[in-house]
PDB file of N, CA and C in Angstrom:
ATOM      1  N   MET A   1      76.150  73.601 142.829  1.00  0.00           N
ATOM      2  CA  MET A   1      77.561  72.799 142.595  1.00  0.00           C
ATOM      3  C   MET A   1      78.137  73.104 144.309  1.00  0.00           C
ATOM      4  N   ASN A   2      78.709  71.680 144.143  1.00  0.00           N
ATOM      5  CA  ASN A   2      79.826  72.343 145.553  1.00  0.00           C
ATOM      6  C   ASN A   2      81.555  73.087 144.816  1.00  0.00           C
ATOM      7  N   ASP A   3      81.638  73.994 145.643  1.00  0.00           N
ATOM      8  CA  ASP A   3      82.375  75.093 145.563  1.00  0.00           C
ATOM      9  C   ASP A   3      84.137  74.993 146.213  1.00  0.00           C
ATOM     10  N   ASP A   4      83.837  74.138 146.651  1.00  0.00           N
ATOM     11  CA  ASP A   4      84.980  73.500 147.407  1.00  0.00           C
ATOM     12  C   ASP A   4      86.270  73.161 146.235  1.00  0.00           C
ATOM     13  N   PRO A   5      87.666  74.042 146.278  1.00  0.00           N
ATOM     14  CA  PRO A   5      88.692  73.964 145.408  1.00  0.00           C
ATOM     15  C   PRO A   5      89.321  72.914 145.664  1.00  0.00           C
ATOM     16  N   ASN A   6      89.063  72.116 146.419  1.00  0.00           N
ATOM     17  CA  ASN A   6      90.360  70.359 146.276  1.00  0.00           C
ATOM     18  C   ASN A   6      89.479  69.536 144.956  1.00  0.00           C
ATOM     19  N   ARG A   7      87.672  69.931 145.082  1.00  0.00           N
ATOM     20  CA  ARG A   7      87.200  69.268 144.159  1.00  0.00           C
ATOM     21  C   ARG A   7      87.536  70.306 143.042  1.00  0.00           C
ATOM     22  N   ILE A   8      87.095  71.135 143.202  1.00  0.00           N
ATOM     23  CA  ILE A   8      87.717  71.937 141.337  1.00  0.00           C
ATOM     24  C   ILE A   8      89.246  71.250 141.120  1.00  0.00           C
ATOM     25  N   ALA A   9      90.529  70.827 141.721  1.00  0.00           N
ATOM     26  CA  ALA A   9      91.381  70.946 141.305  1.00  0.00           C
ATOM     27  C   ALA A   9      91.612  69.768 140.759  1.00  0.00           C
ATOM     28  N   ALA A  10      90.498  68.726 141.614  1.00  0.00           N
ATOM     29  CA  ALA A  10      90.762  67.043 141.252  1.00  0.00           C
ATOM     30  C   ALA A  10      89.858  67.241 139.247  1.00  0.00           C
ATOM     31  N   ILE A  11      88.926  67.938 140.039  1.00  0.00           N
ATOM     32  CA  ILE A  11      88.105  67.494 138.107  1.00  0.00           C
ATOM     33  C   ILE A  11      89.269  68.197 137.256  1.00  0.00           C
ATOM     34  N   GLU A  12      89.437  69.528 137.439  1.00  0.00           N
ATOM     35  CA  GLU A  12      90.667  70.059 136.206  1.00  0.00           C
ATOM     36  C   GLU A  12      92.025  68.738 136.010  1.00  0.00           C
ATOM     37  N   LYS A  13      92.466  67.780 137.238  1.00  0.00           N
ATOM     38  CA  LYS A  13      93.474  67.989 136.829  1.00  0.00           C
ATOM     39  C   LYS A  13      92.863  66.488 135.970  1.00  0.00           C
ATOM     40  N   ALA A  14      92.119  65.947 136.351  1.00  0.00           N
ATOM     41  CA  ALA A  14      91.520  64.372 135.822  1.00  0.00           C
ATOM     42  C   ALA A  14      90.821  65.265 134.265  1.00  0.00           C
ATOM     43  N   ILE A  15      90.313  66.269 133.951  1.00  0.00           N
ATOM     44  CA  ILE A  15      90.101  66.837 132.389  1.00  0.00           C
ATOM     45  C   ILE A  15      91.687  67.161 131.827  1.00  0.00           C
ATOM     46  N   SER A  16      92.520  67.661 132.499  1.00  0.00           N
ATOM     47  CA  SER A  16      93.572  67.684 131.673  1.00  0.00           C
ATOM     48  C   SER A  16      94.576  65.978 131.285  1.00  0.00           C
ATOM     49  N   LYS A  17      94.488  65.475 132.455  1.00  0.00           N
ATOM     50  CA  LYS A  17      94.564  64.186 132.095  1.00  0.00           C
ATOM     51  C   LYS A  17      93.991  63.059 130.496  1.00  0.00           C
ATOM     52  N   LYS A  18      93.188  63.619 130.434  1.00  0.00           N
ATOM     53  CA  LYS A  18      92.186  62.623 129.599  1.00  0.00           C
ATOM     54  C   LYS A  18      92.134  63.497 128.375  1.00  0.00           C
ATOM     55  N   TYR A  19      92.485  65.298 128.635  1.00  0.00           N
ATOM     56  CA  TYR A  19      91.557  65.954 126.861  1.00  0.00           C
ATOM     57  C   TYR A  19      93.410  66.809 126.370  1.00  0.00           C
ATOM     58  N   GLY A  20      94.637  67.042 128.310  1.00  0.00           N
ATOM     59  CA  GLY A  20      95.646  67.139 127.272  1.00  0.00           C
ATOM     60  C   GLY A  20      95.129  69.111 128.283  1.00  0.00           C
ATOM     61  N   ALA A  21      96.267  69.073 127.918  1.00  0.00           N
ATOM     62  CA  ALA A  21      96.369  71.006 129.551  1.00  0.00           C
ATOM     63  C   ALA A  21      95.537  71.563 129.169  1.00  0.00           C
ATOM     64  N   GLU A  22      95.631  71.962 127.146  1.00  0.00           N
ATOM     65  CA  GLU A  22      94.643  73.006 126.874  1.00  0.00           C
ATOM     66  C   GLU A  22      93.091  73.156 126.659  1.00  0.00           C
ATOM     67  N   ALA A  23      92.380  71.893 127.561  1.00  0.00           N
ATOM     68  CA  ALA A  23      91.174  71.994 127.999  1.00  0.00           C
ATOM     69  C   ALA A  23      91.380  72.488 128.763  1.00  0.00           C
ATOM     70  N   ILE A  24      92.210  72.881 129.742  1.00  0.00           N
ATOM     71  CA  ILE A  24      92.088  73.478 131.025  1.00  0.00           C
ATOM     72  C   ILE A  24      92.259  74.558 131.223  1.00  0.00           C
ATOM     73  N   GLN A  25      92.917  75.490 129.961  1.00  0.00           N
ATOM     74  CA  GLN A  25      93.367  76.667 130.281  1.00  0.00           C
ATOM     75  C   GLN A  25      92.227  77.970 129.639  1.00  0.00           C
ATOM     76  N   ASN A  26      92.428  78.973 130.377  1.00  0.00           N
ATOM     77  CA  ASN A  26      91.612  80.098 130.507  1.00  0.00           C
ATOM     78  C   ASN A  26      91.700  80.293 128.696  1.00  0.00           C
ATOM     79  N   PRO A  27      90.394  80.506 127.922  1.00  0.00           N
ATOM     80  CA  PRO A  27      90.709  80.679 126.731  1.00  0.00           C
ATOM     81  C   PRO A  27      91.064  82.169 126.094  1.00  0.00           C
ATOM     82  N   ARG A  28      91.177  82.836 127.157  1.00  0.00           N
ATOM     83  CA  ARG A  28      92.305  84.043 126.318  1.00  0.00           C
ATOM     84  C   ARG A  28      93.541  84.218 127.134  1.00  0.00           C
ATOM     85  N   GLN A  29      94.076  82.968 127.469  1.00  0.00           N
ATOM     86  CA  GLN A  29      95.407  82.928 127.306  1.00  0.00           C
ATOM     87  C   GLN A  29      96.260  83.619 126.174  1.00  0.00           C
ATOM     88  N   ASN A  30      95.581  83.174 125.228  1.00  0.00           N
ATOM     89  CA  ASN A  30      96.359  82.802 123.576  1.00  0.00           C
ATOM     90  C   ASN A  30      95.274  83.619 122.990  1.00  0.00           C
ATOM     91  N   TRP A  31      94.931  84.993 123.487  1.00  0.00           N
ATOM     92  CA  TRP A  31      94.085  85.713 122.396  1.00  0.00           C
ATOM     93  C   TRP A  31      94.270  86.796 122.211  1.00  0.00           C
ATOM     94  N   ASP A  32      94.597  87.600 121.203  1.00  0.00           N
ATOM     95  CA  ASP A  32      95.550  88.984 121.348  1.00  0.00           C
ATOM     96  C   ASP A  32      94.987  89.672 120.284  1.00  0.00           C
ATOM     97  N   GLU A  33      95.479  90.046 119.788  1.00  0.00           N
ATOM     98  CA  GLU A  33      94.706  91.704 118.849  1.00  0.00           C
ATOM     99  C   GLU A  33      94.664  91.271 117.884  1.00  0.00           C
ATOM    100  N   SER A  34      95.718  90.658 117.311  1.00  0.00           N
ATOM    101  CA  SER A  34      95.682  89.961 115.775  1.00  0.00           C
ATOM    102  C   SER A  34      94.046  89.218 115.634  1.00  0.00           C
ATOM    103  N   LYS A  35      94.311  87.878 116.833  1.00  0.00           N
ATOM    104  CA  LYS A  35      93.150  86.650 116.486  1.00  0.00           C
ATOM    105  C   LYS A  35      91.640  87.527 117.277  1.00  0.00           C
ATOM    106  N   GLU A  36      91.838  89.390 117.474  1.00  0.00           N
ATOM    107  CA  GLU A  36      90.386  90.271 117.516  1.00  0.00           C
ATOM    108  C   GLU A  36      90.238  90.308 116.331  1.00  0.00           C
ATOM    109  N   LYS A  37      90.996  91.124 115.476  1.00  0.00           N
ATOM    110  CA  LYS A  37      90.939  91.722 114.230  1.00  0.00           C
ATOM    111  C   LYS A  37      90.324  90.395 112.985  1.00  0.00           C
ATOM    112  N   GLU A  38      91.301  89.625 113.172  1.00  0.00           N
ATOM    113  CA  GLU A  38      90.514  88.251 112.238  1.00  0.00           C
ATOM    114  C   GLU A  38      89.477  87.830 112.674  1.00  0.00           C
ATOM    115  N   TYR A  39      88.885  87.605 113.950  1.00  0.00           N
ATOM    116  CA  TYR A  39      88.016  87.513 114.492  1.00  0.00           C
ATOM    117  C   TYR A  39      86.598  88.343 113.944  1.00  0.00           C
ATOM    118  N   ALA A  40      86.881  89.729 114.054  1.00  0.00           N
ATOM    119  CA  ALA A  40      85.969  90.889 113.388  1.00  0.00           C
ATOM    120  C   ALA A  40      85.372  91.189 112.549  1.00  0.00           C
ATOM    121  N   ILE A  41      86.359  90.725 111.387  1.00  0.00           N
ATOM    122  CA  ILE A  41      85.622  90.333 109.871  1.00  0.00           C
ATOM    123  C   ILE A  41      85.679  89.202 109.723  1.00  0.00           C
ATOM    124  N   GLN A  42      85.921  88.143 110.501  1.00  0.00           N
ATOM    125  CA  GLN A  42      85.083  86.832 109.936  1.00  0.00           C
ATOM    126  C   GLN A  42      83.959  86.823 110.445  1.00  0.00           C
ATOM    127  N   MET A  43      83.534  87.861 111.684  1.00  0.00           N
ATOM    128  CA  MET A  43      82.012  87.741 111.721  1.00  0.00           C
ATOM    129  C   MET A  43      81.530  88.708 110.838  1.00  0.00           C
ATOM    130  N   LYS A  44      81.823  89.939 110.565  1.00  0.00           N
ATOM    131  CA  LYS A  44      81.195  90.661 109.337  1.00  0.00           C
ATOM    132  C   LYS A  44      81.209  90.112 108.636  1.00  0.00           C
ATOM    133  N   GLU A  45      81.974  88.946 107.619  1.00  0.00           N
ATOM    134  CA  GLU A  45      81.589  88.202 106.330  1.00  0.00           C
ATOM    135  C   GLU A  45      80.159  87.399 106.920  1.00  0.00           C
ATOM    136  N   LEU A  46      80.246  86.766 107.797  1.00  0.00           N
ATOM    137  CA  LEU A  46      79.087  85.721 108.251  1.00  0.00           C
ATOM    138  C   LEU A  46      78.005  86.387 108.408  1.00  0.00           C
ATOM    139  N   TYR A  47      78.251  87.784 108.584  1.00  0.00           N
ATOM    140  CA  TYR A  47      77.034  88.552 109.213  1.00  0.00           C
ATOM    141  C   TYR A  47      76.414  89.296 107.579  1.00  0.00           C
ATOM    142  N   SER A  48      77.476  89.215 106.619  1.00  0.00           N
ATOM    143  CA  SER A  48      77.132  89.556 105.195  1.00  0.00           C
ATOM    144  C   SER A  48      76.037  88.988 104.669  1.00  0.00           C
ATOM    145  N   LYS A  49      76.674  87.911 104.635  1.00  0.00           N
ATOM    146  CA  LYS A  49      75.739  86.677 104.207  1.00  0.00           C
ATOM    147  C   LYS A  49      74.653  86.021 104.396  1.00  0.00           C
ATOM    148  N   ILE A  50      74.286  86.070 106.076  1.00  0.00           N
ATOM    149  CA  ILE A  50      73.115  86.159 106.862  1.00  0.00           C
ATOM    150  C   ILE A  50      72.499  86.694 106.214  1.00  0.00           C
ATOM    151  N   SER A  51      72.571  88.318 106.133  1.00  0.00           N
ATOM    152  CA  SER A  51      71.922  89.095 105.546  1.00  0.00           C
ATOM    153  C   SER A  51      71.673  89.200 104.546  1.00  0.00           C
ATOM    154  N   SER A  52      72.184  88.567 103.166  1.00  0.00           N
ATOM    155  CA  SER A  52      72.181  88.429 102.343  1.00  0.00           C
ATOM    156  C   SER A  52      71.557  87.062 101.628  1.00  0.00           C
ATOM    157  N   ASN A  53      71.627  86.156 103.064  1.00  0.00           N
ATOM    158  CA  ASN A  53      70.407  85.106 102.203  1.00  0.00           C
ATOM    159  C   ASN A  53      68.973  85.606 102.535  1.00  0.00           C
ATOM    160  N   GLU A  54      68.831  86.111 103.661  1.00  0.00           N
ATOM    161  CA  GLU A  54      67.691  86.924 104.764  1.00  0.00           C
ATOM    162  C   GLU A  54      67.054  87.284 103.641  1.00  0.00           C
ATOM    163  N   GLU A  55      67.435  88.683 102.385  1.00  0.00           N
ATOM    164  CA  GLU A  55      66.662  88.878 101.597  1.00  0.00           C
ATOM    165  C   GLU A  55      66.461  87.689 100.476  1.00  0.00           C
ATOM    166  N   ARG A  56      67.199  87.330  99.632  1.00  0.00           N
ATOM    167  CA  ARG A  56      66.893  86.204  99.097  1.00  0.00           C
ATOM    168  C   ARG A  56      65.418  85.875  99.606  1.00  0.00           C
ATOM    169  N   SER A  57      65.475  85.196 100.732  1.00  0.00           N
ATOM    170  CA  SER A  57      64.638  84.324 101.667  1.00  0.00           C
ATOM    171  C   SER A  57      63.196  85.068 101.526  1.00  0.00           C
ATOM    172  N   GLU A  58      63.094  86.110 101.492  1.00  0.00           N
ATOM    173  CA  GLU A  58      61.876  86.681 101.830  1.00  0.00           C
ATOM    174  C   GLU A  58      60.765  85.850 100.187  1.00  0.00           C
ATOM    175  N   LYS A  59      59.408  86.867 100.700  1.00  0.00           N
ATOM    176  CA  LYS A  59      58.456  85.564 100.374  1.00  0.00           C
ATOM    177  C   LYS A  59      57.803  87.152  99.538  1.00  0.00           C
ATOM    178  N   ILE A  60      57.632  87.026  97.911  1.00  0.00           N
ATOM    179  CA  ILE A  60      56.515  87.905  97.747  1.00  0.00           C
ATOM    180  C   ILE A  60      55.564  87.177  96.848  1.00  0.00           C
ATOM    181  N   ASP A  61      54.096  87.716  97.108  1.00  0.00           N
ATOM    182  CA  ASP A  61      53.195  87.467  96.495  1.00  0.00           C
ATOM    183  C   ASP A  61      52.679  87.548  95.386  1.00  0.00           C
ATOM    184  N   ILE A  62      52.405  86.288  94.521  1.00  0.00           N
ATOM    185  CA  ILE A  62      52.227  86.662  93.211  1.00  0.00           C
ATOM    186  C   ILE A  62      50.771  86.025  92.698  1.00  0.00           C
ATOM    187  N   ASP A  63      49.639  86.706  92.716  1.00  0.00           N
ATOM    188  CA  ASP A  63      48.493  86.589  92.374  1.00  0.00           C
ATOM    189  C   ASP A  63      48.094  85.196  93.492  1.00  0.00           C
ATOM    190  N   GLY A  64      48.358  85.107  95.105  1.00  0.00           N
ATOM    191  CA  GLY A  64      47.814  85.084  96.394  1.00  0.00           C
ATOM    192  C   GLY A  64      48.909  83.383  96.260  1.00  0.00           C
ATOM    193  N   LEU A  65      50.039  83.439  95.414  1.00  0.00           N
ATOM    194  CA  LEU A  65      50.998  82.809  95.451  1.00  0.00           C
ATOM    195  C   LEU A  65      52.194  83.216  96.145  1.00  0.00           C
ATOM    196  N   LYS A  66      53.168  82.484  97.494  1.00  0.00           N
ATOM    197  CA  LYS A  66      54.056  83.082  98.087  1.00  0.00           C
ATOM    198  C   LYS A  66      55.021  82.480  97.280  1.00  0.00           C
ATOM    199  N   VAL A  67      56.154  83.241  96.730  1.00  0.00           N
ATOM    200  CA  VAL A  67      57.457  83.079  96.442  1.00  0.00           C
ATOM    201  C   VAL A  67      58.241  83.723  96.682  1.00  0.00           C
ATOM    202  N   SER A  68      59.610  82.829  96.341  1.00  0.00           N
ATOM    203  CA  SER A  68      60.736  82.782  97.102  1.00  0.00           C
ATOM    204  C   SER A  68      61.251  84.192  96.213  1.00  0.00           C
ATOM    205  N   LYS A  69      61.563  85.039  97.046  1.00  0.00           N
ATOM    206  CA  LYS A  69      62.297  86.692  95.697  1.00  0.00           C
ATOM    207  C   LYS A  69      63.126  85.835  95.221  1.00  0.00           C
ATOM    208  N   LYS A  70      63.990  84.787  96.109  1.00  0.00           N
ATOM    209  CA  LYS A  70      65.301  84.945  95.082  1.00  0.00           C
ATOM    210  C   LYS A  70      64.836  84.147  93.881  1.00  0.00           C
ATOM    211  N   LEU A  71      64.311  83.534  93.660  1.00  0.00           N
ATOM    212  CA  LEU A  71      63.728  83.349  92.552  1.00  0.00           C
ATOM    213  C   LEU A  71      63.458  83.803  91.300  1.00  0.00           C
ATOM    214  N   PHE A  72      63.275  85.181  91.959  1.00  0.00           N
ATOM    215  CA  PHE A  72      63.297  86.113  90.998  1.00  0.00           C
ATOM    216  C   PHE A  72      64.604  86.771  89.669  1.00  0.00           C
ATOM    217  N   ASN A  73      65.531  86.389  90.663  1.00  0.00           N
ATOM    218  CA  ASN A  73      66.849  86.432  89.746  1.00  0.00           C
ATOM    219  C   ASN A  73      67.141  85.618  88.931  1.00  0.00           C
ATOM    220  N   ARG A  74      66.450  84.220  88.579  1.00  0.00           N
ATOM    221  CA  ARG A  74      66.316  83.778  87.923  1.00  0.00           C
ATOM    222  C   ARG A  74      65.104  84.119  86.432  1.00  0.00           C
ATOM    223  N   GLU A  75      65.697  83.711  84.931  1.00  0.00           N
ATOM    224  CA  GLU A  75      65.306  84.604  83.714  1.00  0.00           C
ATOM    225  C   GLU A  75      64.103  83.490  83.372  1.00  0.00           C
ATOM    226  N   SER A  76      64.038  82.400  83.938  1.00  0.00           N
ATOM    227  CA  SER A  76      63.234  81.662  83.247  1.00  0.00           C
ATOM    228  C   SER A  76      61.737  81.766  84.228  1.00  0.00           C
ATOM    229  N   LEU A  77      61.429  82.689  85.467  1.00  0.00           N
ATOM    230  CA  LEU A  77      60.389  82.879  86.239  1.00  0.00           C
ATOM    231  C   LEU A  77      59.947  83.868  85.876  1.00  0.00           C
ATOM    232  N   ARG A  78      59.283  84.326  84.367  1.00  0.00           N
ATOM    233  CA  ARG A  78      58.254  85.735  83.836  1.00  0.00           C
ATOM    234  C   ARG A  78      57.262  84.298  83.380  1.00  0.00           C
ATOM    235  N   ASN A  79      56.741  85.588  83.294  1.00  0.00           N
ATOM    236  CA  ASN A  79      55.206  84.974  82.465  1.00  0.00           C
ATOM    237  C   ASN A  79      55.156  84.923  80.794  1.00  0.00           C
ATOM    238  N   CYS A  80      53.991  84.130  79.866  1.00  0.00           N
ATOM    239  CA  CYS A  80      54.726  83.940  78.773  1.00  0.00           C
ATOM    240  C   CYS A  80      53.971  85.499  78.081  1.00  0.00           C
ATOM    241  N   SER A  81      54.465  85.883  76.831  1.00  0.00           N
ATOM    242  CA  SER A  81      54.100  86.790  76.338  1.00  0.00           C
ATOM    243  C   SER A  81      52.602  86.165  75.195  1.00  0.00           C
ATOM    244  N   VAL A  82      52.353  85.413  75.118  1.00  0.00           N
ATOM    245  CA  VAL A  82      50.999  85.021  74.461  1.00  0.00           C
ATOM    246  C   VAL A  82      50.530  84.670  75.479  1.00  0.00           C
ATOM    247  N   CYS A  83      50.191  83.498  76.117  1.00  0.00           N
ATOM    248  CA  CYS A  83      49.129  83.518  77.305  1.00  0.00           C
ATOM    249  C   CYS A  83      49.322  83.943  78.646  1.00  0.00           C
ATOM    250  N   SER A  84      50.086  84.384  78.720  1.00  0.00           N
ATOM    251  CA  SER A  84      50.653  85.104  80.258  1.00  0.00           C
ATOM    252  C   SER A  84      50.463  84.242  81.434  1.00  0.00           C
ATOM    253  N   ALA A  85      50.836  82.709  80.902  1.00  0.00           N
ATOM    254  CA  ALA A  85      51.381  81.481  81.883  1.00  0.00           C
ATOM    255  C   ALA A  85      52.336  81.767  82.634  1.00  0.00           C
ATOM    256  N   PHE A  86      52.845  81.214  83.845  1.00  0.00           N
ATOM    257  CA  PHE A  86      53.530  81.163  84.281  1.00  0.00           C
ATOM    258  C   PHE A  86      54.826  80.469  84.198  1.00  0.00           C
ATOM    259  N   SER A  87      56.249  80.619  83.957  1.00  0.00           N
ATOM    260  CA  SER A  87      56.714  79.157  83.234  1.00  0.00           C
ATOM    261  C   SER A  87      56.987  77.724  84.529  1.00  0.00           C
ATOM    262  N   LYS A  88      57.023  77.208  84.182  1.00  0.00           N
ATOM    263  CA  LYS A  88      56.826  75.877  85.411  1.00  0.00           C
ATOM    264  C   LYS A  88      58.160  74.749  85.363  1.00  0.00           C
ATOM    265  N   LYS A  89      58.301  74.742  83.366  1.00  0.00           N
ATOM    266  CA  LYS A  89      59.266  73.256  82.969  1.00  0.00           C
ATOM    267  C   LYS A  89      60.554  73.837  82.764  1.00  0.00           C
ATOM    268  N   SER A  90      61.407  72.989  82.655  1.00  0.00           N
ATOM    269  CA  SER A  90      62.585  73.840  81.940  1.00  0.00           C
ATOM    270  C   SER A  90      62.674  73.439  80.384  1.00  0.00           C
ATOM    271  N   MET A  91      61.825  72.859  79.565  1.00  0.00           N
ATOM    272  CA  MET A  91      61.609  73.505  78.584  1.00  0.00           C
ATOM    273  C   MET A  91      61.124  74.673  78.122  1.00  0.00           C
ATOM    274  N   ASP A  92      59.990  75.173  79.123  1.00  0.00           N
ATOM    275  CA  ASP A  92      59.828  76.676  79.071  1.00  0.00           C
ATOM    276  C   ASP A  92      61.148  77.284  79.076  1.00  0.00           C
ATOM    277  N   ASP A  93      62.309  77.127  79.870  1.00  0.00           N
ATOM    278  CA  ASP A  93      63.168  78.171  79.752  1.00  0.00           C
ATOM    279  C   ASP A  93      63.908  78.554  77.939  1.00  0.00           C
ATOM    280  N   VAL A  94      64.356  77.061  77.807  1.00  0.00           N
ATOM    281  CA  VAL A  94      64.773  77.176  76.231  1.00  0.00           C
ATOM    282  C   VAL A  94      63.584  77.774  75.674  1.00  0.00           C
ATOM    283  N   CYS A  95      61.853  77.897  75.863  1.00  0.00           N
ATOM    284  CA  CYS A  95      61.337  78.261  74.554  1.00  0.00           C
ATOM    285  C   CYS A  95      61.602  80.227  74.960  1.00  0.00           C
ATOM    286  N   PHE A  96      61.752  80.273  76.116  1.00  0.00           N
ATOM    287  CA  PHE A  96      61.694  81.708  76.883  1.00  0.00           C
ATOM    288  C   PHE A  96      62.968  82.556  75.547  1.00  0.00           C
ATOM    289  N   ILE A  97      63.508  81.465  76.370  1.00  0.00           N
ATOM    290  CA  ILE A  97      65.001  82.452  75.630  1.00  0.00           C
ATOM    291  C   ILE A  97      64.895  82.952  74.217  1.00  0.00           C
ATOM    292  N   LYS A  98      64.383  81.484  73.731  1.00  0.00           N
ATOM    293  CA  LYS A  98      64.269  81.438  71.962  1.00  0.00           C
ATOM    294  C   LYS A  98      63.537  82.324  71.322  1.00  0.00           C
ATOM    295  N   PHE A  99      62.387  81.682  71.822  1.00  0.00           N
ATOM    296  CA  PHE A  99      61.016  82.513  71.219  1.00  0.00           C
ATOM    297  C   PHE A  99      60.205  83.174  71.977  1.00  0.00           C
ATOM    298  N   ASP A 100      60.672  83.950  73.618  1.00  0.00           N
ATOM    299  CA  ASP A 100      59.808  84.904  73.882  1.00  0.00           C
ATOM    300  C   ASP A 100      58.662  84.089  74.314  1.00  0.00           C
ATOM    301  N   CYS A 101      58.215  82.856  74.511  1.00  0.00           N
ATOM    302  CA  CYS A 101      56.823  82.180  74.736  1.00  0.00           C
ATOM    303  C   CYS A 101      57.106  81.005  75.645  1.00  0.00           C
ATOM    304  N   CYS A 102      55.844  80.512  76.666  1.00  0.00           N
ATOM    305  CA  CYS A 102      56.172  78.891  76.648  1.00  0.00           C
ATOM    306  C   CYS A 102      56.125  77.885  76.239  1.00  0.00           C
ATOM    307  N   SER A 103      56.138  76.637  76.478  1.00  0.00           N
ATOM    308  CA  SER A 103      56.680  75.647  75.519  1.00  0.00           C
ATOM    309  C   SER A 103      55.308  74.736  75.102  1.00  0.00           C
ATOM    310  N   GLU A 104      54.326  75.072  75.767  1.00  0.00           N
ATOM    311  CA  GLU A 104      52.782  75.326  74.830  1.00  0.00           C
ATOM    312  C   GLU A 104      52.572  75.837  73.467  1.00  0.00           C
ATOM    313  N   CYS A 105      52.721  77.186  74.295  1.00  0.00           N
ATOM    314  CA  CYS A 105      52.883  78.359  72.918  1.00  0.00           C
ATOM    315  C   CYS A 105      53.672  77.578  71.767  1.00  0.00           C
ATOM    316  N   TYR A 106      54.768  77.560  72.114  1.00  0.00           N
ATOM    317  CA  TYR A 106      55.457  77.404  70.871  1.00  0.00           C
ATOM    318  C   TYR A 106      55.003  76.398  70.465  1.00  0.00           C
ATOM    319  N   ILE A 107      54.984  74.902  71.127  1.00  0.00           N
ATOM    320  CA  ILE A 107      54.112  74.080  70.122  1.00  0.00           C
ATOM    321  C   ILE A 107      52.533  74.427  69.131  1.00  0.00           C
ATOM    322  N   LYS A 108      51.814  75.661  69.714  1.00  0.00           N
ATOM    323  CA  LYS A 108      50.839  75.664  69.488  1.00  0.00           C
ATOM    324  C   LYS A 108      51.505  76.706  68.089  1.00  0.00           C
ATOM    325  N   PHE A 109      51.813  77.794  68.762  1.00  0.00           N
ATOM    326  CA  PHE A 109      51.592  78.636  67.984  1.00  0.00           C
ATOM    327  C   PHE A 109      52.968  78.700  67.037  1.00  0.00           C
ATOM    328  N   VAL A 110      54.034  78.293  67.260  1.00  0.00           N
ATOM    329  CA  VAL A 110      56.155  78.690  66.226  1.00  0.00           C
ATOM    330  C   VAL A 110      56.400  77.197  65.840  1.00  0.00           C
ATOM    331  N   GLU A 111      56.236  76.304  66.324  1.00  0.00           N
ATOM    332  CA  GLU A 111      56.739  75.392  65.780  1.00  0.00           C
ATOM    333  C   GLU A 111      56.609  75.221  64.360  1.00  0.00           C
ATOM    334  N   ASP A 112      57.081  74.386  63.541  1.00  0.00           N
ATOM    335  CA  ASP A 112      57.060  74.540  61.809  1.00  0.00           C
ATOM    336  C   ASP A 112      56.966  75.826  61.484  1.00  0.00           C
ATOM    337  N   ARG A 113      56.536  76.764  62.230  1.00  0.00           N
ATOM    338  CA  ARG A 113      56.387  78.483  61.497  1.00  0.00           C
ATOM    339  C   ARG A 113      57.350  79.290  62.636  1.00  0.00           C
ATOM    340  N   GLU A 114      58.839  78.672  63.177  1.00  0.00           N
ATOM    341  CA  GLU A 114      59.733  79.774  63.143  1.00  0.00           C
ATOM    342  C   GLU A 114      60.139  81.194  62.673  1.00  0.00           C
ATOM    343  N   GLU A 115      60.510  80.837  61.199  1.00  0.00           N
ATOM    344  CA  GLU A 115      60.162  82.099  60.466  1.00  0.00           C
ATOM    345  C   GLU A 115      59.506  82.982  60.929  1.00  0.00           C
ATOM    346  N   ARG A 116      58.182  82.916  60.621  1.00  0.00           N
ATOM    347  CA  ARG A 116      57.340  83.560  60.255  1.00  0.00           C
ATOM    348  C   ARG A 116      56.834  84.467  62.433  1.00  0.00           C
ATOM    349  N   TRP A 117      56.959  83.311  62.750  1.00  0.00           N
ATOM    350  CA  TRP A 117      57.238  84.046  64.750  1.00  0.00           C
ATOM    351  C   TRP A 117      58.506  84.787  64.804  1.00  0.00           C
ATOM    352  N   LEU A 118      59.379  84.898  64.196  1.00  0.00           N
ATOM    353  CA  LEU A 118      60.673  85.531  64.680  1.00  0.00           C
ATOM    354  C   LEU A 118      60.666  86.804  63.883  1.00  0.00           C
ATOM    355  N   ASN A 119      59.511  87.009  62.624  1.00  0.00           N
ATOM    356  CA  ASN A 119      59.089  88.290  61.563  1.00  0.00           C
ATOM    357  C   ASN A 119      58.620  88.773  62.543  1.00  0.00           C
ATOM    358  N   GLY A 120      57.742  88.391  63.502  1.00  0.00           N
ATOM    359  CA  GLY A 120      57.002  89.330  64.157  1.00  0.00           C
ATOM    360  C   GLY A 120      55.530  88.971  64.880  1.00  0.00           C
ATOM    361  N   TRP A 121      55.265  87.783  63.881  1.00  0.00           N
ATOM    362  CA  TRP A 121      53.725  87.257  63.604  1.00  0.00           C
ATOM    363  C   TRP A 121      53.181  86.522  65.432  1.00  0.00           C
ATOM    364  N   ARG A 122      52.395  87.531  66.406  1.00  0.00           N
ATOM    365  CA  ARG A 122      52.023  86.943  67.302  1.00  0.00           C
ATOM    366  C   ARG A 122      50.421  86.159  66.406  1.00  0.00           C
ATOM    367  N   PRO A 123      49.524  85.382  67.607  1.00  0.00           N
ATOM    368  CA  PRO A 123      48.128  84.897  67.481  1.00  0.00           C
ATOM    369  C   PRO A 123      47.929  86.303  68.095  1.00  0.00           C
ATOM    370  N   ASN A 124      46.187  86.193  67.899  1.00  0.00           N
ATOM    371  CA  ASN A 124      45.283  87.261  68.444  1.00  0.00           C
ATOM    372  C   ASN A 124      44.729  86.415  69.553  1.00  0.00           C
ATOM    373  N   THR A 125      44.905  86.355  70.792  1.00  0.00           N
ATOM    374  CA  THR A 125      44.191  86.090  72.351  1.00  0.00           C
ATOM    375  C   THR A 125      43.974  86.189  72.814  1.00  0.00           C
TER     376      THR A 125
END
């Protein structure tokens, strides 16, 4: 690039005319201690969000299947107490909350026998 001062001045003048005088001023001109402190606070918040997202996006190996660590914060991701199946459907969530089993085991063993199930009966599997 040509370092001719007249050419640089002409370019700056054209930029100033098209975009305004703020486009060619030194960025440090309006920077002070209060803006620096505010920027530091914003950067700390940003880095803390990034690090928490990285922690939650880590993968965990479950029986050869890579699962995101953040999914383990949900209660629905657990194994059925009867058949040890991994929760897959939203109906499983409902059954886990109320009966501590997956939806298939609910249909096989609990449906129409809720009182017996809640009193502690479990199938021999």
